[in-house]
Amino acid sequence: MTIRAVVFDLDGTLVEFKLDYKTLRADVINLLASRGLPRSLFSLKESVFNMLRKAEVSMRNNGKGEDEIREIRDAILSIADRYELEAARRTNLISGVIPTLKALKGMSLKMGLFTINGVKATEYILQRFRLKGFFDVIVPRDFVPSTKPDPAHLREAL
């Protein structure tokens, strides 16, 4: 089998993303509670995206319309964007990333990037570390209906 492409995740693979997950999750839970969803439905230990899925199911089960669900989704993702952009300013490039990307590019491989981060933080990091030019495709969460671990996110990068 010939390798023709390599797809990278951003945080934890190319950069050390310094996101305050606990505070982000607490803010999301506070938002959901302020909109009438029970706090007991959510945990600081679960991902924001899992909270979002639970909120959507609960809202549908309680007769809420798609506009209201979309409004909650947008509010949650706005909170995530704010925390991610703040974290992007403190993020560090992992040692050896640039030489590795250069070597792979020198092998004429197609290179993709997919990340659960939003487009704003992703673009900021790519610009800050001058990484954008290495990738043929970049797929942040904003570009897919379902994020990893859903395979649709990776398929979009391929």
N, C-alpha and C. Protein backbone atom coordinates (compact mmCIF):
# COMPACT_ATOMS: atom_id res chain seq x y z
N MET A 1 0.84 -1.17 0.00
CA MET A 1 0.00 0.00 0.00
C MET A 1 0.89 1.24 0.00
N THR A 2 0.59 2.16 -0.87
CA THR A 2 1.33 3.41 -0.95
C THR A 2 0.63 4.49 -0.14
N ILE A 3 1.38 5.16 0.69
CA ILE A 3 0.82 6.27 1.47
C ILE A 3 0.81 7.50 0.59
N ARG A 4 -0.37 8.11 0.46
CA ARG A 4 -0.50 9.31 -0.37
C ARG A 4 -0.84 10.55 0.44
N ALA A 5 -1.30 10.34 1.67
CA ALA A 5 -1.72 11.49 2.48
C ALA A 5 -1.52 11.19 3.97
N VAL A 6 -1.35 12.26 4.72
CA VAL A 6 -1.26 12.19 6.17
C VAL A 6 -2.21 13.24 6.73
N VAL A 7 -3.02 12.83 7.71
CA VAL A 7 -3.95 13.77 8.35
C VAL A 7 -3.56 13.89 9.82
N PHE A 8 -3.44 15.12 10.27
CA PHE A 8 -3.05 15.42 11.64
C PHE A 8 -4.22 15.99 12.42
N ASP A 9 -4.22 15.72 13.71
CA ASP A 9 -5.05 16.46 14.65
C ASP A 9 -4.21 17.67 15.07
N LEU A 10 -4.83 18.71 15.54
CA LEU A 10 -4.08 19.91 15.92
C LEU A 10 -3.58 19.82 17.36
N ASP A 11 -4.50 19.82 18.31
CA ASP A 11 -4.07 19.87 19.72
C ASP A 11 -3.63 18.50 20.21
N GLY A 12 -2.46 18.51 20.83
CA GLY A 12 -1.88 17.29 21.33
C GLY A 12 -1.00 16.58 20.31
N THR A 13 -1.08 16.99 19.06
CA THR A 13 -0.27 16.40 18.00
C THR A 13 0.73 17.41 17.47
N LEU A 14 0.23 18.58 17.11
CA LEU A 14 1.10 19.65 16.58
C LEU A 14 1.37 20.73 17.63
N VAL A 15 0.40 20.98 18.48
CA VAL A 15 0.55 22.00 19.51
C VAL A 15 0.07 21.48 20.86
N GLU A 16 0.61 22.08 21.93
CA GLU A 16 0.11 21.83 23.28
C GLU A 16 -0.93 22.90 23.55
N PHE A 17 -2.18 22.53 23.43
CA PHE A 17 -3.29 23.47 23.57
C PHE A 17 -3.59 23.64 25.05
N LYS A 18 -3.54 24.86 25.54
CA LYS A 18 -3.67 25.13 26.98
C LYS A 18 -5.06 25.69 27.30
N LEU A 19 -6.05 24.86 27.08
CA LEU A 19 -7.44 25.25 27.30
C LEU A 19 -7.86 24.94 28.73
N ASP A 20 -8.56 25.87 29.36
CA ASP A 20 -9.10 25.68 30.70
C ASP A 20 -10.45 24.96 30.57
N TYR A 21 -10.38 23.65 30.40
CA TYR A 21 -11.58 22.85 30.15
C TYR A 21 -12.59 22.93 31.29
N LYS A 22 -12.11 22.91 32.51
CA LYS A 22 -13.02 22.91 33.67
C LYS A 22 -13.88 24.18 33.70
N THR A 23 -13.24 25.33 33.51
CA THR A 23 -13.99 26.59 33.54
C THR A 23 -14.91 26.71 32.33
N LEU A 24 -14.44 26.26 31.17
CA LEU A 24 -15.27 26.25 29.97
C LEU A 24 -16.53 25.42 30.22
N ARG A 25 -16.34 24.23 30.73
CA ARG A 25 -17.49 23.34 30.99
C ARG A 25 -18.43 23.94 32.02
N ALA A 26 -17.88 24.57 33.05
CA ALA A 26 -18.72 25.21 34.08
C ALA A 26 -19.55 26.33 33.46
N ASP A 27 -18.95 27.13 32.59
CA ASP A 27 -19.69 28.21 31.93
C ASP A 27 -20.81 27.66 31.04
N VAL A 28 -20.53 26.55 30.36
CA VAL A 28 -21.56 25.94 29.51
C VAL A 28 -22.71 25.41 30.37
N ILE A 29 -22.38 24.76 31.47
CA ILE A 29 -23.43 24.26 32.37
C ILE A 29 -24.26 25.42 32.92
N ASN A 30 -23.61 26.51 33.28
CA ASN A 30 -24.34 27.69 33.77
C ASN A 30 -25.28 28.23 32.70
N LEU A 31 -24.82 28.28 31.46
CA LEU A 31 -25.68 28.74 30.37
C LEU A 31 -26.88 27.82 30.22
N LEU A 32 -26.63 26.52 30.18
CA LEU A 32 -27.73 25.57 30.00
C LEU A 32 -28.73 25.66 31.15
N ALA A 33 -28.24 25.80 32.37
CA ALA A 33 -29.13 25.93 33.53
C ALA A 33 -29.94 27.22 33.44
N SER A 34 -29.30 28.29 32.96
CA SER A 34 -30.01 29.57 32.83
C SER A 34 -31.12 29.50 31.78
N ARG A 35 -31.03 28.51 30.90
CA ARG A 35 -32.05 28.32 29.87
C ARG A 35 -33.07 27.25 30.25
N GLY A 36 -33.03 26.85 31.53
CA GLY A 36 -34.05 25.93 32.03
C GLY A 36 -33.71 24.45 31.99
N LEU A 37 -32.51 24.11 31.58
CA LEU A 37 -32.12 22.70 31.57
C LEU A 37 -31.56 22.33 32.95
N PRO A 38 -31.86 21.13 33.45
CA PRO A 38 -31.40 20.76 34.79
C PRO A 38 -29.88 20.55 34.86
N ARG A 39 -29.25 21.18 35.85
CA ARG A 39 -27.80 21.03 36.04
C ARG A 39 -27.40 19.56 36.19
N SER A 40 -28.28 18.79 36.81
CA SER A 40 -27.97 17.38 37.08
C SER A 40 -27.79 16.56 35.80
N LEU A 41 -28.20 17.10 34.69
CA LEU A 41 -28.06 16.41 33.40
C LEU A 41 -26.61 16.45 32.90
N PHE A 42 -25.81 17.39 33.43
CA PHE A 42 -24.47 17.64 32.90
C PHE A 42 -23.39 17.46 33.97
N SER A 43 -22.17 17.21 33.51
CA SER A 43 -21.05 17.00 34.42
C SER A 43 -19.82 17.76 33.93
N LEU A 44 -19.03 18.25 34.87
CA LEU A 44 -17.77 18.92 34.51
C LEU A 44 -16.77 17.95 33.87
N LYS A 45 -17.05 16.66 33.98
CA LYS A 45 -16.13 15.65 33.44
C LYS A 45 -16.43 15.29 31.99
N GLU A 46 -17.57 15.74 31.47
CA GLU A 46 -17.91 15.39 30.09
C GLU A 46 -17.57 16.53 29.14
N SER A 47 -17.42 16.20 27.89
CA SER A 47 -17.05 17.21 26.90
C SER A 47 -18.21 18.18 26.65
N VAL A 48 -17.87 19.34 26.19
CA VAL A 48 -18.87 20.35 25.83
C VAL A 48 -19.78 19.79 24.74
N PHE A 49 -19.22 18.99 23.83
CA PHE A 49 -20.01 18.45 22.73
C PHE A 49 -20.98 17.38 23.21
N ASN A 50 -20.60 16.63 24.24
CA ASN A 50 -21.52 15.68 24.84
C ASN A 50 -22.65 16.43 25.55
N MET A 51 -22.30 17.52 26.24
CA MET A 51 -23.32 18.35 26.89
C MET A 51 -24.30 18.89 25.85
N LEU A 52 -23.76 19.34 24.74
CA LEU A 52 -24.59 19.88 23.67
C LEU A 52 -25.56 18.82 23.15
N ARG A 53 -25.06 17.61 22.91
CA ARG A 53 -25.94 16.53 22.44
C ARG A 53 -27.05 16.25 23.46
N LYS A 54 -26.69 16.18 24.73
CA LYS A 54 -27.69 15.95 25.78
C LYS A 54 -28.72 17.07 25.82
N ALA A 55 -28.25 18.30 25.70
CA ALA A 55 -29.16 19.45 25.73
C ALA A 55 -30.14 19.38 24.56
N GLU A 56 -29.62 19.04 23.37
CA GLU A 56 -30.48 18.96 22.19
C GLU A 56 -31.56 17.88 22.37
N VAL A 57 -31.17 16.72 22.88
CA VAL A 57 -32.13 15.63 23.11
C VAL A 57 -33.17 16.06 24.14
N SER A 58 -32.73 16.64 25.23
CA SER A 58 -33.64 17.08 26.28
C SER A 58 -34.62 18.13 25.74
N MET A 59 -34.10 19.07 24.99
CA MET A 59 -34.96 20.13 24.45
C MET A 59 -36.00 19.56 23.48
N ARG A 60 -35.57 18.65 22.61
CA ARG A 60 -36.52 18.03 21.68
C ARG A 60 -37.58 17.24 22.44
N ASN A 61 -37.14 16.50 23.45
CA ASN A 61 -38.08 15.70 24.26
C ASN A 61 -39.07 16.57 25.02
N ASN A 62 -38.72 17.82 25.23
CA ASN A 62 -39.60 18.76 25.94
C ASN A 62 -40.28 19.75 25.01
N GLY A 63 -40.33 19.40 23.72
CA GLY A 63 -41.10 20.17 22.76
C GLY A 63 -40.48 21.46 22.27
N LYS A 64 -39.19 21.65 22.50
CA LYS A 64 -38.54 22.87 22.02
C LYS A 64 -38.31 22.78 20.52
N GLY A 65 -38.40 23.91 19.85
CA GLY A 65 -38.23 23.95 18.40
C GLY A 65 -36.77 24.03 17.98
N GLU A 66 -36.55 23.77 16.71
CA GLU A 66 -35.18 23.77 16.17
C GLU A 66 -34.52 25.14 16.26
N ASP A 67 -35.29 26.21 16.17
CA ASP A 67 -34.70 27.55 16.30
C ASP A 67 -34.11 27.76 17.69
N GLU A 68 -34.85 27.33 18.70
CA GLU A 68 -34.38 27.47 20.08
C GLU A 68 -33.16 26.57 20.32
N ILE A 69 -33.19 25.38 19.76
CA ILE A 69 -32.05 24.46 19.89
C ILE A 69 -30.82 25.05 19.20
N ARG A 70 -31.01 25.61 18.03
CA ARG A 70 -29.90 26.24 17.29
C ARG A 70 -29.33 27.42 18.08
N GLU A 71 -30.20 28.18 18.72
CA GLU A 71 -29.76 29.32 19.54
C GLU A 71 -28.86 28.85 20.69
N ILE A 72 -29.26 27.77 21.35
CA ILE A 72 -28.45 27.21 22.45
C ILE A 72 -27.12 26.72 21.90
N ARG A 73 -27.17 26.01 20.78
CA ARG A 73 -25.94 25.49 20.16
C ARG A 73 -24.99 26.64 19.85
N ASP A 74 -25.51 27.70 19.23
CA ASP A 74 -24.68 28.85 18.88
C ASP A 74 -24.08 29.50 20.13
N ALA A 75 -24.86 29.60 21.19
CA ALA A 75 -24.37 30.20 22.44
C ALA A 75 -23.25 29.35 23.05
N ILE A 76 -23.43 28.04 23.04
CA ILE A 76 -22.40 27.15 23.58
C ILE A 76 -21.12 27.25 22.75
N LEU A 77 -21.26 27.22 21.44
CA LEU A 77 -20.07 27.29 20.58
C LEU A 77 -19.39 28.65 20.68
N SER A 78 -20.15 29.69 20.94
CA SER A 78 -19.56 31.01 21.15
C SER A 78 -18.70 31.03 22.42
N ILE A 79 -19.19 30.39 23.47
CA ILE A 79 -18.40 30.27 24.70
C ILE A 79 -17.12 29.48 24.41
N ALA A 80 -17.26 28.36 23.70
CA ALA A 80 -16.09 27.54 23.36
C ALA A 80 -15.09 28.34 22.53
N ASP A 81 -15.58 29.10 21.54
CA ASP A 81 -14.70 29.92 20.71
C ASP A 81 -13.90 30.90 21.56
N ARG A 82 -14.56 31.52 22.52
CA ARG A 82 -13.88 32.50 23.38
C ARG A 82 -12.75 31.85 24.18
N TYR A 83 -13.04 30.72 24.78
CA TYR A 83 -12.01 30.01 25.56
C TYR A 83 -10.89 29.49 24.66
N GLU A 84 -11.25 28.99 23.50
CA GLU A 84 -10.24 28.45 22.58
C GLU A 84 -9.30 29.55 22.08
N LEU A 85 -9.84 30.69 21.74
CA LEU A 85 -9.00 31.78 21.26
C LEU A 85 -8.07 32.26 22.36
N GLU A 86 -8.57 32.34 23.57
CA GLU A 86 -7.73 32.70 24.71
C GLU A 86 -6.61 31.66 24.89
N ALA A 87 -6.96 30.39 24.79
CA ALA A 87 -5.97 29.31 24.93
C ALA A 87 -4.96 29.33 23.79
N ALA A 88 -5.41 29.68 22.60
CA ALA A 88 -4.52 29.71 21.43
C ALA A 88 -3.36 30.68 21.64
N ARG A 89 -3.60 31.72 22.40
CA ARG A 89 -2.55 32.71 22.67
C ARG A 89 -1.48 32.16 23.61
N ARG A 90 -1.82 31.11 24.37
CA ARG A 90 -0.87 30.49 25.31
C ARG A 90 -0.33 29.15 24.81
N THR A 91 -0.76 28.75 23.66
CA THR A 91 -0.41 27.44 23.11
C THR A 91 1.03 27.40 22.64
N ASN A 92 1.66 26.24 22.79
CA ASN A 92 3.04 26.05 22.33
C ASN A 92 3.10 25.02 21.22
N LEU A 93 4.02 25.23 20.30
CA LEU A 93 4.28 24.26 19.24
C LEU A 93 5.05 23.09 19.84
N ILE A 94 4.66 21.88 19.51
CA ILE A 94 5.36 20.69 19.99
C ILE A 94 6.70 20.58 19.25
N SER A 95 7.72 20.23 20.00
CA SER A 95 9.07 20.12 19.45
C SER A 95 9.11 19.14 18.28
N GLY A 96 9.78 19.54 17.21
CA GLY A 96 9.96 18.67 16.05
C GLY A 96 8.88 18.76 15.00
N VAL A 97 7.85 19.55 15.24
CA VAL A 97 6.73 19.62 14.31
C VAL A 97 7.15 20.19 12.95
N ILE A 98 7.85 21.30 12.94
CA ILE A 98 8.22 21.94 11.67
C ILE A 98 9.10 21.01 10.82
N PRO A 99 10.18 20.44 11.37
CA PRO A 99 10.98 19.53 10.54
C PRO A 99 10.18 18.32 10.03
N THR A 100 9.27 17.83 10.85
CA THR A 100 8.44 16.69 10.43
C THR A 100 7.53 17.08 9.27
N LEU A 101 6.85 18.23 9.40
CA LEU A 101 5.97 18.68 8.33
C LEU A 101 6.75 18.95 7.05
N LYS A 102 7.93 19.54 7.18
CA LYS A 102 8.78 19.80 6.00
C LYS A 102 9.18 18.49 5.33
N ALA A 103 9.55 17.50 6.13
CA ALA A 103 9.96 16.21 5.57
C ALA A 103 8.80 15.54 4.83
N LEU A 104 7.62 15.56 5.42
CA LEU A 104 6.46 14.95 4.77
C LEU A 104 6.08 15.70 3.50
N LYS A 105 6.15 17.02 3.54
CA LYS A 105 5.85 17.82 2.34
C LYS A 105 6.87 17.51 1.25
N GLY A 106 8.12 17.31 1.66
CA GLY A 106 9.18 16.96 0.71
C GLY A 106 8.97 15.61 0.05
N MET A 107 8.15 14.77 0.64
CA MET A 107 7.82 13.46 0.08
C MET A 107 6.61 13.55 -0.85
N SER A 108 6.15 14.76 -1.12
CA SER A 108 5.00 15.02 -1.99
C SER A 108 3.71 14.38 -1.49
N LEU A 109 3.60 14.24 -0.18
CA LEU A 109 2.36 13.72 0.40
C LEU A 109 1.34 14.84 0.55
N LYS A 110 0.09 14.51 0.35
CA LYS A 110 -0.98 15.45 0.67
C LYS A 110 -1.09 15.47 2.19
N MET A 111 -1.36 16.65 2.74
CA MET A 111 -1.46 16.75 4.19
C MET A 111 -2.74 17.47 4.58
N GLY A 112 -3.42 16.89 5.56
CA GLY A 112 -4.65 17.46 6.05
C GLY A 112 -4.58 17.68 7.55
N LEU A 113 -5.47 18.53 8.01
CA LEU A 113 -5.56 18.84 9.43
C LEU A 113 -7.04 18.83 9.80
N PHE A 114 -7.38 18.11 10.86
CA PHE A 114 -8.74 18.21 11.37
C PHE A 114 -8.66 18.41 12.87
N THR A 115 -9.59 19.20 13.37
CA THR A 115 -9.55 19.57 14.78
C THR A 115 -10.95 19.84 15.30
N ILE A 116 -11.12 19.54 16.55
CA ILE A 116 -12.39 19.82 17.22
C ILE A 116 -12.48 21.30 17.59
N ASN A 117 -11.38 22.02 17.44
CA ASN A 117 -11.38 23.47 17.71
C ASN A 117 -12.14 24.21 16.62
N GLY A 118 -12.62 25.39 16.98
CA GLY A 118 -13.32 26.22 16.02
C GLY A 118 -12.36 26.90 15.05
N VAL A 119 -12.92 27.48 14.01
CA VAL A 119 -12.12 28.08 12.95
C VAL A 119 -11.28 29.25 13.46
N LYS A 120 -11.80 30.05 14.38
CA LYS A 120 -11.05 31.22 14.86
C LYS A 120 -9.75 30.82 15.55
N ALA A 121 -9.83 29.90 16.50
CA ALA A 121 -8.63 29.46 17.22
C ALA A 121 -7.69 28.70 16.28
N THR A 122 -8.26 27.89 15.40
CA THR A 122 -7.44 27.13 14.45
C THR A 122 -6.65 28.07 13.56
N GLU A 123 -7.32 29.04 12.97
CA GLU A 123 -6.64 30.01 12.10
C GLU A 123 -5.57 30.78 12.86
N TYR A 124 -5.89 31.17 14.08
CA TYR A 124 -4.92 31.91 14.89
C TYR A 124 -3.66 31.08 15.11
N ILE A 125 -3.82 29.83 15.50
CA ILE A 125 -2.67 28.96 15.75
C ILE A 125 -1.87 28.72 14.48
N LEU A 126 -2.56 28.44 13.39
CA LEU A 126 -1.86 28.18 12.13
C LEU A 126 -1.07 29.40 11.68
N GLN A 127 -1.63 30.57 11.85
CA GLN A 127 -0.93 31.80 11.48
C GLN A 127 0.23 32.07 12.44
N ARG A 128 -0.02 31.92 13.71
CA ARG A 128 1.00 32.21 14.72
C ARG A 128 2.26 31.37 14.52
N PHE A 129 2.08 30.10 14.19
CA PHE A 129 3.23 29.21 14.04
C PHE A 129 3.60 28.96 12.57
N ARG A 130 2.94 29.68 11.67
CA ARG A 130 3.21 29.58 10.22
C ARG A 130 3.07 28.14 9.72
N LEU A 131 1.97 27.53 10.05
CA LEU A 131 1.72 26.13 9.69
C LEU A 131 0.76 25.96 8.52
N LYS A 132 -0.02 26.96 8.22
CA LYS A 132 -1.10 26.83 7.24
C LYS A 132 -0.62 26.32 5.89
N GLY A 133 0.52 26.80 5.44
CA GLY A 133 1.03 26.42 4.12
C GLY A 133 1.39 24.95 3.97
N PHE A 134 1.50 24.24 5.05
CA PHE A 134 1.82 22.81 4.98
C PHE A 134 0.60 21.96 4.58
N PHE A 135 -0.60 22.49 4.78
CA PHE A 135 -1.79 21.67 4.66
C PHE A 135 -2.58 21.95 3.39
N ASP A 136 -3.03 20.86 2.78
CA ASP A 136 -3.87 20.95 1.58
C ASP A 136 -5.33 21.14 1.96
N VAL A 137 -5.70 20.67 3.14
CA VAL A 137 -7.07 20.82 3.62
C VAL A 137 -7.03 21.00 5.14
N ILE A 138 -7.89 21.88 5.63
CA ILE A 138 -8.00 22.15 7.07
C ILE A 138 -9.49 22.09 7.42
N VAL A 139 -9.83 21.23 8.39
CA VAL A 139 -11.23 21.01 8.73
C VAL A 139 -11.47 21.21 10.23
N PRO A 140 -11.78 22.45 10.65
CA PRO A 140 -12.17 22.66 12.05
C PRO A 140 -13.62 22.22 12.25
N ARG A 141 -14.07 22.23 13.48
CA ARG A 141 -15.41 21.72 13.80
C ARG A 141 -16.52 22.47 13.06
N ASP A 142 -16.29 23.74 12.73
CA ASP A 142 -17.33 24.55 12.09
C ASP A 142 -17.72 24.02 10.71
N PHE A 143 -16.86 23.19 10.12
CA PHE A 143 -17.07 22.74 8.74
C PHE A 143 -17.77 21.39 8.63
N VAL A 144 -18.12 20.78 9.77
CA VAL A 144 -18.74 19.45 9.74
C VAL A 144 -19.94 19.41 10.69
N PRO A 145 -20.95 18.60 10.35
CA PRO A 145 -22.12 18.50 11.23
C PRO A 145 -21.82 17.75 12.53
N SER A 146 -20.87 16.81 12.48
CA SER A 146 -20.49 16.02 13.66
C SER A 146 -18.97 15.96 13.73
N THR A 147 -18.43 16.19 14.92
CA THR A 147 -16.99 16.20 15.09
C THR A 147 -16.48 14.84 15.56
N LYS A 148 -15.15 14.70 15.49
CA LYS A 148 -14.55 13.47 15.99
C LYS A 148 -15.02 13.24 17.42
N PRO A 149 -15.23 12.05 17.79
CA PRO A 149 -14.80 10.81 17.15
C PRO A 149 -15.68 10.32 16.01
N ASP A 150 -16.71 11.07 15.62
CA ASP A 150 -17.51 10.69 14.46
C ASP A 150 -16.59 10.64 13.24
N PRO A 151 -16.56 9.53 12.51
CA PRO A 151 -15.66 9.41 11.36
C PRO A 151 -15.95 10.40 10.24
N ALA A 152 -17.11 11.03 10.25
CA ALA A 152 -17.43 12.02 9.21
C ALA A 152 -16.43 13.18 9.24
N HIS A 153 -15.92 13.51 10.42
CA HIS A 153 -14.96 14.61 10.54
C HIS A 153 -13.67 14.25 9.79
N LEU A 154 -13.17 13.06 10.00
CA LEU A 154 -11.96 12.61 9.30
C LEU A 154 -12.23 12.46 7.81
N ARG A 155 -13.37 11.90 7.45
CA ARG A 155 -13.70 11.74 6.02
C ARG A 155 -13.69 13.08 5.30
N GLU A 156 -14.16 14.12 5.96
CA GLU A 156 -14.17 15.45 5.35
C GLU A 156 -12.75 15.91 5.05
N ALA A 157 -11.81 15.55 5.91
CA ALA A 157 -10.40 15.92 5.68
C ALA A 157 -9.80 15.13 4.53
N LEU A 158 -10.28 13.91 4.34
CA LEU A 158 -9.75 13.06 3.26
C LEU A 158 -10.34 13.47 1.93
